[in-house]
Amino acid sequence: QVQLVESGGGLVQAGGSQRLSCAASGRTFSIYAMGWFRQAPGKEREFVAAISRGGGITAYADSVKGRFTISRDNAKRTGYLQMNSLNPEDTAVYFCAARYTDYIQAYTSMKDYNYWGQGTQVTVSS
């Protein structure tokens, strides 16, 4: 099993940047693919970005492509989501997720993940 803890959320002005971190404990982090999802008030949780076990494959939602960057440092057992050019529509609770996999693949569906963090709030003011 792996436990995930997000950090780095907070209040930021539109146009600003923020970096979220996802610290993992438990089994070897490098055997897990990772993803970021978000849930805005009154909306369903949606995919944001995903990264393969070794970090060589990434995937992004169209709404964040070119603005957000997902990365990971397996030695530090930490995943990251760098968010640039933020706008109020990015306001949400952001969750990191992980799944054990033998494959080199980035997973974009919630149902692909079985480990979740508690979430961190990101609020973008206009």
Foldseek 3Di string as FASTA:
>chain_A
DKAWAKDWADEAAAQAKTKMKIAIDDDQLLQKKKFKWWDDPPGDIAGAKTAFSVRPDMDGDPVQPPFWDWGDDSVRRMIMIIGGRDDQVPWTWMKMFIDGDPDGDTDGDPVRTDYIYPTDTHGYHD
